[in-house]
Amino acid sequence: MESLEKNHKKPTLAYAVISLVTIVSLMAIGLVVFKANIQSLMLLAWVVMGLFAMRLGWSFEELEGAAFRMIHQALQATILMAAVGVLIAAWISAGTVPTIIYAGLKVISPKFFLLTTTVICAITSTATGSSWTTMGTVGLAMLGVGMGLGIPVGLTAGAIISGAYFGDKMSPLSDSTLLAAAVCKVPIFTHIRHMIYTTGPAMLIACALYTFLGFKYAGNAFNQTDVNAILSGFSSLFKISWITILPAFVVLFMIYKKYSAVFSILLGAIAGMVIAVLYQGADLQTVLAAVWSGFEPDTSDELMISFLKRGGISSMMSTIALMLFALGLGGMMRETGILHVILEHLAKGIKSVPRLVLSTMLTSYFGSAISGSMHFSAVITGTLFEELYEKFNLKAENLSRIIEDCGTLGAALIPWSTNAVFIMGMLDVSYLQYLPYAFLNWIDPIISLILGVTGIAMTKIVAQEKKIV
C-alpha cells in the first residue's frame, strides 16, 4: 500500500467495512434487480468509492492517480486479450477450431459418452478460452445426444460444465485466466503451469467418475443425428485436415520456447490467416475484417452461425473494460487504506499457511456471492491477500491459483451468479439438477485446500527473489 499523506486519514475498520459492503451491495443490486452489465456498475462504483475517500481527505485527482497506477499493471494483459480476439477469428477462418471440434466429435462412443463429452468440451474451451461459448455450442449438441441415450440431463450438463470450465481455467485465451494472472502480477504461463497441481488431479478424478457413470447409463442405441449435423456443417464450410492444426503447433512451439505470450499468440494468428487465405480460399480483406469484428460464416445455418460467429478484437472490449474498471476500483481501495485496514484485521487471525489458504478461498467465494461476478471476486481477493502471501514467503502464483480454484470454478456453484444463470438458461437445466454432477468444480477446491494444509506445491519466495520484491 502506498504511504498515506499527512492530510489523509486512516479509515477505521468499521468505516472500511461499510465502504466495501456499500460498493458491493450496490453492484449486486444493479446486477440482480436492474440487470445492468457489470462493466457499467464497476465504473460507476468509482464515484461511490470517491465519496467515501473524500471523507478521508482524498481528492478525486489523487484517486484517479491511484486507479491508473493499478491499471498500468494490467496493460500487458489487455494487449494479450486483444491478441486473443485476433487469434480466435484467425483460427476459425483457417478451420483450426472447427477441425479440433470435428475430430473430437468423431470419437464418440455410447459407453464413453460422458467421458467423451467432458473431453470434447475441455478441448473446445481450451481452444476458444470460453466456457460460455463451449456450453452454447458443443455443450448444447452433446446435451441433445445425451437425452437420446436416456442419460439424466443433470448428469450430461455436469460433464459439459466440467469440461467447459477446465478450458476456461487453463486456457491462455480465457479472460478469467488472464485476469487472475494480471491481478496477482504473475506471468500467464507461470499461472497456468501452477494450476496443473490442482486442476490436473481434479480433472482425472472427474473423468473417472464420468466413465463409471457412463457405463451405468449407456444405452444400446446411439442416435448420432445431432452430431452428424455439426460434422456436415463444418465439412461444407471448411477443408478439414491436419493442415488447419498448424497454427496451434506454432503457438505451442512458441510457448515451449518461452517466447512472449503476446507475440506467440499473434504469430499463431498470422499463421491462421495465411492458411485461411492459401488453403481455405478465403478473401484476405474478409480475413482482415474478421480480425477486428469477428468471423462471419457464409451460411444461413443457425447451428453453424452459433459455432462460428465470434472472435475479433471488438469481442474482447467488454472484458478489457471490466478488467480496467475493476483494477482501477481496486487501486483506489488499496491506496486509501480501506483494503489494508480489513487485511490487518484478517491477518490477526491468520497465523499459518493453512489458515491463509482457507481465508483466501472463503473470500473468493464470498466475493462471487455478493457481486454475482467471478471477475470482481478475483480483483478483491487478489488485492486483499497479496501482502499476506508475501508475508508468508509464498509466491504470487499460489494466490492466483486459489483465485481460479474457487472464483472461476465456484462461479457455477452460486445459483444467482451470472455464470449459473447462463448455464441454467443455455442448457435448460435447473441448478439442483447439475450441481451434484459438476465434479471438477467441486473437487478442484478440495485439492487446493489439501495442498494448502500439507504445503505441497505451495511455492516459496527464495532469498534472492525476496530482495527484488
Protein backbone atom coordinates (compact mmCIF):
# COMPACT_ATOMS: atom_id res chain seq x y z
CA MET A 1 0.00 0.00 0.00
CA GLU A 2 1.19 3.50 -0.82
CA SER A 3 2.09 5.63 2.19
CA LEU A 4 -0.75 7.82 3.43
CA GLU A 5 -0.14 11.57 3.19
CA LYS A 6 -0.44 13.72 6.33
CA ASN A 7 -3.85 15.04 5.22
CA HIS A 8 -5.15 11.54 4.60
CA LYS A 9 -6.94 9.87 7.49
CA LYS A 10 -6.57 6.18 8.12
CA PRO A 11 -10.01 4.54 7.91
CA THR A 12 -11.34 2.67 10.90
CA LEU A 13 -12.26 -0.98 10.47
CA ALA A 14 -15.97 -0.12 10.64
CA TYR A 15 -15.61 2.61 8.00
CA ALA A 16 -13.62 0.29 5.72
CA VAL A 17 -16.18 -2.50 6.02
CA ILE A 18 -19.10 -0.11 5.43
CA SER A 19 -17.36 1.29 2.34
CA LEU A 20 -16.68 -2.14 0.87
CA VAL A 21 -20.12 -3.56 1.70
CA THR A 22 -21.86 -0.47 0.25
CA ILE A 23 -19.99 -0.71 -3.06
CA VAL A 24 -20.51 -4.46 -3.36
CA SER A 25 -24.18 -4.22 -2.37
CA LEU A 26 -24.91 -1.51 -4.94
CA MET A 27 -23.29 -3.59 -7.66
CA ALA A 28 -25.17 -6.71 -6.55
CA ILE A 29 -28.48 -4.81 -6.66
CA GLY A 30 -27.61 -3.46 -10.08
CA LEU A 31 -26.81 -6.96 -11.38
CA VAL A 32 -29.71 -8.87 -9.82
CA VAL A 33 -32.53 -6.30 -9.69
CA PHE A 34 -31.83 -3.99 -12.63
CA LYS A 35 -29.97 -6.49 -14.83
CA ALA A 36 -27.26 -3.90 -15.51
CA ASN A 37 -23.97 -5.02 -17.02
CA ILE A 38 -21.06 -5.39 -14.64
CA GLN A 39 -18.79 -3.04 -16.63
CA SER A 40 -21.10 -0.04 -16.17
CA LEU A 41 -21.60 -0.77 -12.49
CA MET A 42 -17.88 -1.19 -11.91
CA LEU A 43 -17.10 2.21 -13.44
CA LEU A 44 -19.93 3.96 -11.59
CA ALA A 45 -18.59 2.43 -8.37
CA TRP A 46 -15.58 4.71 -8.78
CA VAL A 47 -17.82 7.64 -7.80
CA VAL A 48 -19.17 5.81 -4.73
CA MET A 49 -15.61 5.00 -3.73
CA GLY A 50 -14.67 8.64 -4.29
CA LEU A 51 -17.35 9.86 -1.90
CA PHE A 52 -16.12 7.55 0.87
CA ALA A 53 -12.50 8.51 0.19
CA MET A 54 -13.23 12.25 0.32
CA ARG A 55 -14.12 11.94 4.00
CA LEU A 56 -10.63 10.54 4.48
CA GLY A 57 -9.04 13.60 2.88
CA TRP A 58 -8.56 12.29 -0.65
CA SER A 59 -9.23 14.38 -3.74
CA PHE A 60 -10.68 13.00 -6.96
CA GLU A 61 -7.38 13.72 -8.71
CA GLU A 62 -5.48 11.62 -6.17
CA LEU A 63 -7.98 8.77 -6.51
CA GLU A 64 -7.67 8.91 -10.27
CA GLY A 65 -3.91 8.54 -9.91
CA ALA A 66 -4.37 5.57 -7.57
CA ALA A 67 -6.67 3.92 -10.11
CA PHE A 68 -4.31 4.49 -13.02
CA ARG A 69 -1.33 3.10 -11.13
CA MET A 70 -3.17 -0.18 -10.63
CA ILE A 71 -4.48 -0.20 -14.20
CA HIS A 72 -0.96 0.28 -15.55
CA GLN A 73 -0.01 -3.13 -14.17
CA ALA A 74 -2.65 -4.75 -16.40
CA LEU A 75 -1.72 -3.14 -19.71
CA GLN A 76 0.17 -6.24 -20.85
CA ALA A 77 -2.88 -8.39 -20.07
CA THR A 78 -5.19 -6.07 -22.04
CA ILE A 79 -2.96 -6.28 -25.11
CA LEU A 80 -2.89 -10.06 -24.65
CA MET A 81 -6.69 -10.13 -24.61
CA ALA A 82 -6.84 -8.15 -27.84
CA ALA A 83 -4.36 -10.60 -29.38
CA VAL A 84 -6.61 -13.47 -28.24
CA GLY A 85 -9.52 -11.89 -30.10
CA VAL A 86 -7.39 -11.81 -33.25
CA LEU A 87 -6.36 -15.43 -32.70
CA ILE A 88 -9.90 -16.75 -32.34
CA ALA A 89 -11.06 -15.01 -35.54
CA ALA A 90 -7.98 -16.20 -37.45
CA TRP A 91 -8.25 -19.78 -36.23
CA ILE A 92 -11.91 -20.03 -37.16
CA SER A 93 -11.15 -18.54 -40.60
CA ALA A 94 -8.39 -21.14 -41.05
CA GLY A 95 -10.62 -24.00 -39.92
CA THR A 96 -8.42 -24.70 -36.89
CA VAL A 97 -11.20 -24.51 -34.28
CA PRO A 98 -13.73 -26.39 -36.50
CA THR A 99 -11.16 -29.16 -37.11
CA ILE A 100 -10.48 -29.55 -33.38
CA ILE A 101 -14.20 -29.85 -32.63
CA TYR A 102 -14.77 -32.11 -35.66
CA ALA A 103 -12.04 -34.51 -34.57
CA GLY A 104 -13.44 -34.66 -31.05
CA LEU A 105 -16.98 -35.40 -32.21
CA LYS A 106 -15.79 -38.25 -34.42
CA VAL A 107 -14.60 -40.34 -31.46
CA ILE A 108 -17.92 -40.51 -29.56
CA SER A 109 -18.84 -43.93 -28.16
CA PRO A 110 -22.11 -44.62 -26.25
CA LYS A 111 -20.45 -46.21 -23.21
CA PHE A 112 -17.89 -43.43 -23.03
CA PHE A 113 -20.35 -40.67 -23.87
CA LEU A 114 -19.98 -38.73 -20.62
CA LEU A 115 -16.19 -39.01 -20.67
CA THR A 116 -16.12 -38.01 -24.33
CA THR A 117 -18.42 -35.06 -23.66
CA THR A 118 -16.12 -33.85 -20.90
CA VAL A 119 -13.00 -34.19 -23.06
CA ILE A 120 -14.61 -32.56 -26.13
CA CYS A 121 -15.83 -29.63 -24.06
CA ALA A 122 -12.39 -29.34 -22.45
CA ILE A 123 -10.70 -29.29 -25.87
CA THR A 124 -13.18 -26.76 -27.23
CA SER A 125 -12.98 -24.42 -24.24
CA THR A 126 -9.18 -24.62 -24.25
CA ALA A 127 -9.17 -23.77 -27.96
CA THR A 128 -11.59 -20.85 -27.55
CA GLY A 129 -10.86 -19.80 -23.94
CA SER A 130 -14.57 -19.55 -23.22
CA SER A 131 -16.81 -21.79 -21.12
CA TRP A 132 -19.91 -19.94 -22.32
CA THR A 133 -19.01 -20.45 -25.99
CA THR A 134 -18.39 -24.13 -25.34
CA MET A 135 -21.65 -24.68 -23.46
CA GLY A 136 -23.65 -22.74 -26.05
CA THR A 137 -22.29 -24.72 -28.98
CA VAL A 138 -20.72 -28.15 -28.41
CA GLY A 139 -22.37 -28.43 -24.98
CA LEU A 140 -25.84 -27.87 -26.39
CA ALA A 141 -25.24 -30.52 -29.07
CA MET A 142 -23.97 -33.04 -26.51
CA LEU A 143 -26.99 -32.39 -24.30
CA GLY A 144 -29.29 -33.47 -27.14
CA VAL A 145 -27.23 -36.62 -27.73
CA GLY A 146 -27.34 -37.45 -24.03
CA MET A 147 -31.12 -37.13 -23.97
CA GLY A 148 -31.31 -39.56 -26.89
CA LEU A 149 -29.24 -42.04 -24.89
CA GLY A 150 -31.51 -41.73 -21.87
CA ILE A 151 -28.84 -40.16 -19.68
CA PRO A 152 -30.20 -37.78 -16.99
CA VAL A 153 -29.98 -34.20 -18.21
CA GLY A 154 -28.28 -33.03 -15.00
CA LEU A 155 -25.52 -35.62 -15.41
CA THR A 156 -24.83 -34.63 -19.02
CA ALA A 157 -24.90 -30.97 -18.02
CA GLY A 158 -22.38 -31.70 -15.25
CA ALA A 159 -19.99 -33.29 -17.74
CA ILE A 160 -20.40 -30.30 -20.07
CA ILE A 161 -19.75 -27.84 -17.25
CA SER A 162 -16.65 -29.68 -16.01
CA GLY A 163 -15.14 -29.78 -19.48
CA ALA A 164 -16.08 -26.20 -20.29
CA TYR A 165 -14.63 -24.80 -17.08
CA PHE A 166 -11.43 -26.80 -17.48
CA GLY A 167 -10.56 -24.75 -20.55
CA ASP A 168 -11.92 -21.55 -19.03
CA LYS A 169 -9.42 -22.09 -16.21
CA MET A 170 -6.43 -23.50 -18.10
CA SER A 171 -6.50 -21.73 -21.47
CA PRO A 172 -4.24 -18.70 -22.07
CA LEU A 173 -7.13 -17.38 -24.16
CA SER A 174 -9.52 -17.22 -21.19
CA ASP A 175 -10.47 -13.84 -19.73
CA SER A 176 -10.71 -15.24 -16.18
CA THR A 177 -7.24 -16.79 -16.50
CA LEU A 178 -5.78 -13.56 -17.84
CA LEU A 179 -7.48 -11.51 -15.11
CA ALA A 180 -6.30 -13.72 -12.22
CA ALA A 181 -2.74 -13.61 -13.52
CA ALA A 182 -2.89 -9.82 -14.03
CA VAL A 183 -4.33 -9.06 -10.59
CA CYS A 184 -1.59 -11.09 -8.89
CA LYS A 185 1.15 -9.85 -11.29
CA VAL A 186 2.01 -13.40 -12.37
CA PRO A 187 3.16 -14.28 -15.92
CA ILE A 188 0.27 -16.01 -17.66
CA PHE A 189 2.06 -19.29 -18.40
CA THR A 190 3.54 -19.45 -14.89
CA HIS A 191 -0.01 -19.11 -13.58
CA ILE A 192 -1.30 -21.87 -15.88
CA ARG A 193 1.54 -24.28 -15.05
CA HIS A 194 0.93 -23.80 -11.32
CA MET A 195 -2.77 -24.65 -11.70
CA ILE A 196 -1.86 -28.10 -13.03
CA TYR A 197 -1.24 -29.21 -9.41
CA THR A 198 -4.94 -28.81 -8.57
CA THR A 199 -6.78 -28.92 -11.88
CA GLY A 200 -4.86 -31.92 -13.26
CA PRO A 201 -5.79 -34.38 -10.47
CA ALA A 202 -9.31 -32.91 -10.22
CA MET A 203 -9.91 -33.45 -13.94
CA LEU A 204 -8.62 -37.03 -13.78
CA ILE A 205 -10.93 -37.84 -10.85
CA ALA A 206 -13.87 -36.17 -12.62
CA CYS A 207 -13.18 -38.16 -15.80
CA ALA A 208 -13.03 -41.40 -13.80
CA LEU A 209 -16.42 -40.61 -12.25
CA TYR A 210 -17.97 -39.76 -15.62
CA THR A 211 -16.59 -43.02 -17.06
CA PHE A 212 -18.13 -45.05 -14.23
CA LEU A 213 -21.50 -43.31 -14.56
CA GLY A 214 -21.34 -43.56 -18.35
CA PHE A 215 -21.23 -47.37 -18.22
CA LYS A 216 -24.21 -47.30 -15.88
CA TYR A 217 -26.42 -45.19 -18.11
CA ALA A 218 -25.17 -46.10 -21.59
CA GLY A 219 -27.90 -47.43 -23.88
CA ASN A 220 -27.62 -49.75 -26.83
CA ALA A 221 -28.97 -47.30 -29.39
CA PHE A 222 -26.93 -44.29 -30.35
CA ASN A 223 -28.70 -41.50 -32.24
CA GLN A 224 -25.98 -39.50 -33.95
CA THR A 225 -28.25 -37.11 -35.82
CA ASP A 226 -27.20 -34.03 -33.87
CA VAL A 227 -23.52 -34.88 -34.19
CA ASN A 228 -23.80 -35.57 -37.93
CA ALA A 229 -25.46 -32.19 -38.43
CA ILE A 230 -22.45 -30.47 -36.89
CA LEU A 231 -19.95 -32.60 -38.82
CA SER A 232 -21.62 -31.98 -42.17
CA GLY A 233 -21.93 -28.28 -41.40
CA PHE A 234 -18.22 -27.95 -40.70
CA SER A 235 -17.17 -30.01 -43.73
CA SER A 236 -19.38 -27.91 -46.03
CA LEU A 237 -17.73 -24.67 -44.88
CA PHE A 238 -14.11 -25.73 -44.32
CA LYS A 239 -11.49 -28.14 -45.56
CA ILE A 240 -10.97 -30.36 -42.51
CA SER A 241 -7.40 -31.70 -42.36
CA TRP A 242 -4.19 -31.72 -40.35
CA ILE A 243 -3.04 -28.58 -42.21
CA THR A 244 -5.52 -26.45 -40.30
CA ILE A 245 -3.94 -27.53 -37.00
CA LEU A 246 -0.56 -25.99 -37.91
CA PRO A 247 -1.37 -22.60 -36.29
CA ALA A 248 -1.92 -24.41 -32.97
CA PHE A 249 1.51 -26.02 -33.25
CA VAL A 250 3.03 -22.58 -33.94
CA VAL A 251 1.64 -21.28 -30.64
CA LEU A 252 2.63 -24.43 -28.74
CA PHE A 253 6.18 -24.20 -30.09
CA MET A 254 6.44 -20.51 -29.14
CA ILE A 255 5.14 -21.26 -25.66
CA TYR A 256 7.57 -24.19 -25.29
CA LYS A 257 10.45 -21.87 -26.23
CA LYS A 258 9.15 -19.39 -23.61
CA TYR A 259 8.71 -16.53 -26.04
CA SER A 260 6.46 -13.55 -25.27
CA ALA A 261 2.83 -14.62 -24.85
CA VAL A 262 1.59 -11.67 -26.93
CA PHE A 263 3.90 -12.40 -29.86
CA SER A 264 3.29 -16.16 -29.57
CA ILE A 265 -0.44 -15.61 -29.95
CA LEU A 266 -0.08 -13.02 -32.72
CA LEU A 267 2.24 -15.28 -34.72
CA GLY A 268 -0.26 -18.11 -34.27
CA ALA A 269 -2.96 -15.77 -35.55
CA ILE A 270 -0.90 -14.79 -38.59
CA ALA A 271 -0.31 -18.48 -39.33
CA GLY A 272 -4.08 -18.95 -39.19
CA MET A 273 -4.65 -16.03 -41.55
CA VAL A 274 -2.17 -17.46 -44.05
CA ILE A 275 -3.90 -20.86 -44.02
CA ALA A 276 -7.31 -19.18 -44.29
CA VAL A 277 -6.25 -17.41 -47.50
CA LEU A 278 -3.99 -20.01 -49.12
CA TYR A 279 -5.72 -23.24 -48.04
CA GLN A 280 -9.35 -22.37 -47.24
CA GLY A 281 -9.55 -19.88 -50.14
CA ALA A 282 -10.78 -17.01 -48.00
CA ASP A 283 -10.51 -13.44 -49.22
CA LEU A 284 -7.71 -11.52 -47.47
CA GLN A 285 -9.90 -8.45 -46.97
CA THR A 286 -12.55 -10.62 -45.29
CA VAL A 287 -9.98 -12.23 -43.02
CA LEU A 288 -8.56 -8.83 -42.02
CA ALA A 289 -12.08 -7.57 -41.30
CA ALA A 290 -12.65 -10.62 -39.06
CA VAL A 291 -9.56 -9.67 -37.06
CA TRP A 292 -11.48 -6.68 -35.72
CA SER A 293 -15.17 -7.60 -35.88
CA GLY A 294 -15.03 -11.41 -35.66
CA PHE A 295 -15.61 -14.24 -38.11
CA GLU A 296 -18.83 -14.10 -40.15
CA PRO A 297 -19.74 -17.55 -41.55
CA ASP A 298 -21.14 -17.57 -45.08
CA THR A 299 -24.17 -19.67 -44.23
CA SER A 300 -27.79 -19.40 -43.11
CA ASP A 301 -27.43 -22.47 -40.86
CA GLU A 302 -28.21 -21.17 -37.36
CA LEU A 303 -26.25 -24.01 -35.74
CA MET A 304 -23.11 -23.15 -37.69
CA ILE A 305 -23.57 -19.44 -37.00
CA SER A 306 -23.78 -20.17 -33.26
CA PHE A 307 -20.49 -22.09 -33.51
CA LEU A 308 -18.53 -19.76 -35.73
CA LYS A 309 -19.71 -16.15 -35.38
CA ARG A 310 -17.19 -14.99 -32.80
CA GLY A 311 -13.67 -13.69 -32.21
CA GLY A 312 -12.10 -10.40 -33.20
CA ILE A 313 -10.61 -7.56 -31.17
CA SER A 314 -14.03 -5.98 -30.66
CA SER A 315 -15.28 -9.14 -28.92
CA MET A 316 -12.70 -8.63 -26.18
CA MET A 317 -13.52 -5.00 -25.48
CA SER A 318 -16.13 -5.71 -22.80
CA THR A 319 -13.70 -8.00 -20.98
CA ILE A 320 -10.90 -5.45 -21.27
CA ALA A 321 -13.22 -2.75 -19.94
CA LEU A 322 -14.21 -4.92 -16.99
CA MET A 323 -10.58 -5.63 -16.14
CA LEU A 324 -9.57 -1.97 -16.30
CA PHE A 325 -12.54 -0.69 -14.31
CA ALA A 326 -12.22 -3.42 -11.66
CA LEU A 327 -8.48 -2.87 -11.25
CA GLY A 328 -8.98 0.89 -11.04
CA LEU A 329 -11.51 0.41 -8.24
CA GLY A 330 -9.14 -1.99 -6.51
CA GLY A 331 -6.33 0.56 -6.78
CA MET A 332 -8.43 3.21 -5.04
CA MET A 333 -9.44 0.80 -2.28
CA ARG A 334 -5.82 -0.21 -1.83
CA GLU A 335 -4.18 3.22 -1.66
CA THR A 336 -6.86 4.82 0.53
CA GLY A 337 -6.15 2.13 3.10
CA ILE A 338 -9.65 0.61 3.03
CA LEU A 339 -8.42 -2.81 1.97
CA HIS A 340 -5.31 -2.56 4.12
CA VAL A 341 -7.35 -1.98 7.29
CA ILE A 342 -9.52 -5.01 6.53
CA LEU A 343 -6.40 -7.02 5.77
CA GLU A 344 -4.81 -6.02 9.08
CA HIS A 345 -7.87 -7.31 10.91
CA LEU A 346 -7.91 -10.54 8.91
CA ALA A 347 -4.20 -11.02 9.44
CA LYS A 348 -4.64 -11.15 13.20
CA GLY A 349 -6.42 -14.47 12.88
CA ILE A 350 -4.13 -15.87 10.16
CA LYS A 351 -1.17 -17.49 11.89
CA SER A 352 -0.41 -20.28 9.43
CA VAL A 353 -0.44 -21.13 5.73
CA PRO A 354 -3.49 -23.44 6.05
CA ARG A 355 -5.49 -20.59 7.60
CA LEU A 356 -4.24 -18.25 4.91
CA VAL A 357 -5.36 -20.62 2.15
CA LEU A 358 -8.76 -21.23 3.77
CA SER A 359 -9.29 -17.47 4.26
CA THR A 360 -8.39 -16.85 0.61
CA MET A 361 -10.85 -19.50 -0.54
CA LEU A 362 -13.70 -18.19 1.60
CA THR A 363 -13.04 -14.60 0.49
CA SER A 364 -13.08 -15.69 -3.14
CA TYR A 365 -16.44 -17.43 -2.74
CA PHE A 366 -17.80 -14.51 -0.73
CA GLY A 367 -16.74 -12.04 -3.42
CA SER A 368 -18.57 -14.04 -6.08
CA ALA A 369 -21.63 -14.49 -3.88
CA ILE A 370 -22.12 -10.82 -3.05
CA SER A 371 -21.38 -9.47 -6.52
CA GLY A 372 -22.51 -12.30 -8.78
CA SER A 373 -19.25 -11.87 -10.72
CA MET A 374 -16.12 -14.01 -10.63
CA HIS A 375 -14.19 -11.07 -12.10
CA PHE A 376 -14.93 -8.81 -9.14
CA SER A 377 -14.09 -11.68 -6.79
CA ALA A 378 -10.68 -12.08 -8.47
CA VAL A 379 -9.84 -8.38 -8.06
CA ILE A 380 -10.97 -8.17 -4.42
CA THR A 381 -9.29 -11.42 -3.35
CA GLY A 382 -6.05 -10.70 -5.17
CA THR A 383 -5.79 -7.17 -3.82
CA LEU A 384 -6.67 -8.16 -0.24
CA PHE A 385 -4.25 -11.07 0.09
CA GLU A 386 -1.24 -10.00 -1.97
CA GLU A 387 0.73 -8.68 1.01
CA LEU A 388 -0.15 -11.64 3.25
CA TYR A 389 1.25 -14.13 0.75
CA GLU A 390 4.47 -12.13 0.68
CA LYS A 391 4.49 -12.17 4.49
CA PHE A 392 4.34 -15.98 4.48
CA ASN A 393 7.06 -16.13 1.78
CA LEU A 394 4.62 -17.60 -0.73
CA LYS A 395 4.87 -16.75 -4.42
CA ALA A 396 2.00 -14.90 -6.04
CA GLU A 397 1.10 -17.85 -8.28
CA ASN A 398 -0.21 -19.63 -5.17
CA LEU A 399 -2.71 -16.81 -4.74
CA SER A 400 -3.67 -16.64 -8.41
CA ARG A 401 -4.22 -20.41 -8.45
CA ILE A 402 -6.57 -20.31 -5.46
CA ILE A 403 -8.48 -17.41 -7.02
CA GLU A 404 -9.20 -19.62 -10.02
CA ASP A 405 -9.78 -22.79 -7.99
CA CYS A 406 -12.58 -21.04 -6.10
CA GLY A 407 -13.52 -17.92 -8.06
CA THR A 408 -13.58 -19.28 -11.63
CA LEU A 409 -14.87 -22.76 -10.82
CA GLY A 410 -17.05 -21.57 -7.93
CA ALA A 411 -18.97 -19.18 -10.18
CA ALA A 412 -21.06 -22.08 -11.49
CA LEU A 413 -21.91 -23.18 -7.94
CA ILE A 414 -23.55 -19.91 -6.85
CA PRO A 415 -27.14 -20.03 -8.18
CA TRP A 416 -27.62 -16.26 -8.61
CA SER A 417 -24.28 -15.61 -10.30
CA THR A 418 -24.20 -14.62 -13.95
CA ASN A 419 -22.42 -17.91 -14.74
CA ALA A 420 -25.03 -20.13 -13.10
CA VAL A 421 -27.88 -18.16 -14.67
CA PHE A 422 -26.26 -18.63 -18.09
CA ILE A 423 -25.87 -22.38 -17.52
CA MET A 424 -29.49 -22.83 -16.47
CA GLY A 425 -30.77 -20.80 -19.41
CA MET A 426 -28.48 -22.21 -22.10
CA LEU A 427 -28.72 -25.89 -21.11
CA ASP A 428 -32.33 -25.68 -19.88
CA VAL A 429 -31.39 -27.43 -16.66
CA SER A 430 -32.14 -26.49 -13.06
CA TYR A 431 -29.47 -25.60 -10.53
CA LEU A 432 -30.11 -28.68 -8.38
CA GLN A 433 -30.03 -30.95 -11.43
CA TYR A 434 -26.49 -30.07 -12.49
CA LEU A 435 -24.99 -29.13 -9.10
CA PRO A 436 -24.12 -32.68 -7.86
CA TYR A 437 -22.51 -33.63 -11.18
CA ALA A 438 -20.25 -30.62 -11.80
CA PHE A 439 -17.41 -32.74 -10.42
CA LEU A 440 -14.46 -30.58 -11.49
CA ASN A 441 -15.97 -27.51 -9.84
CA TRP A 442 -16.29 -29.36 -6.52
CA ILE A 443 -13.14 -31.47 -6.50
CA ASP A 444 -10.60 -28.84 -7.55
CA PRO A 445 -11.12 -26.57 -4.48
CA ILE A 446 -10.88 -29.60 -2.18
CA ILE A 447 -7.49 -30.48 -3.66
CA SER A 448 -6.47 -26.83 -3.36
CA LEU A 449 -7.28 -26.89 0.36
CA ILE A 450 -5.38 -30.15 0.83
CA LEU A 451 -2.28 -28.64 -0.81
CA GLY A 452 -2.62 -25.59 1.44
CA VAL A 453 -2.79 -27.75 4.56
CA THR A 454 0.07 -30.06 3.57
CA GLY A 455 2.24 -27.39 1.94
CA ILE A 456 2.62 -29.47 -1.22
CA ALA A 457 3.07 -27.34 -4.38
CA MET A 458 2.97 -24.12 -2.34
CA THR A 459 5.99 -22.49 -3.95
CA LYS A 460 8.13 -20.28 -1.72
CA ILE A 461 9.88 -16.98 -2.35
CA VAL A 462 13.62 -17.63 -2.15
CA ALA A 463 16.01 -15.12 -0.63
CA GLN A 464 17.15 -13.63 -3.95
CA GLU A 465 13.57 -13.14 -5.12
CA LYS A 466 12.52 -11.59 -1.84
CA LYS A 467 15.13 -8.86 -2.24
CA ILE A 468 13.62 -7.98 -5.58
CA VAL A 469 10.11 -7.98 -4.13
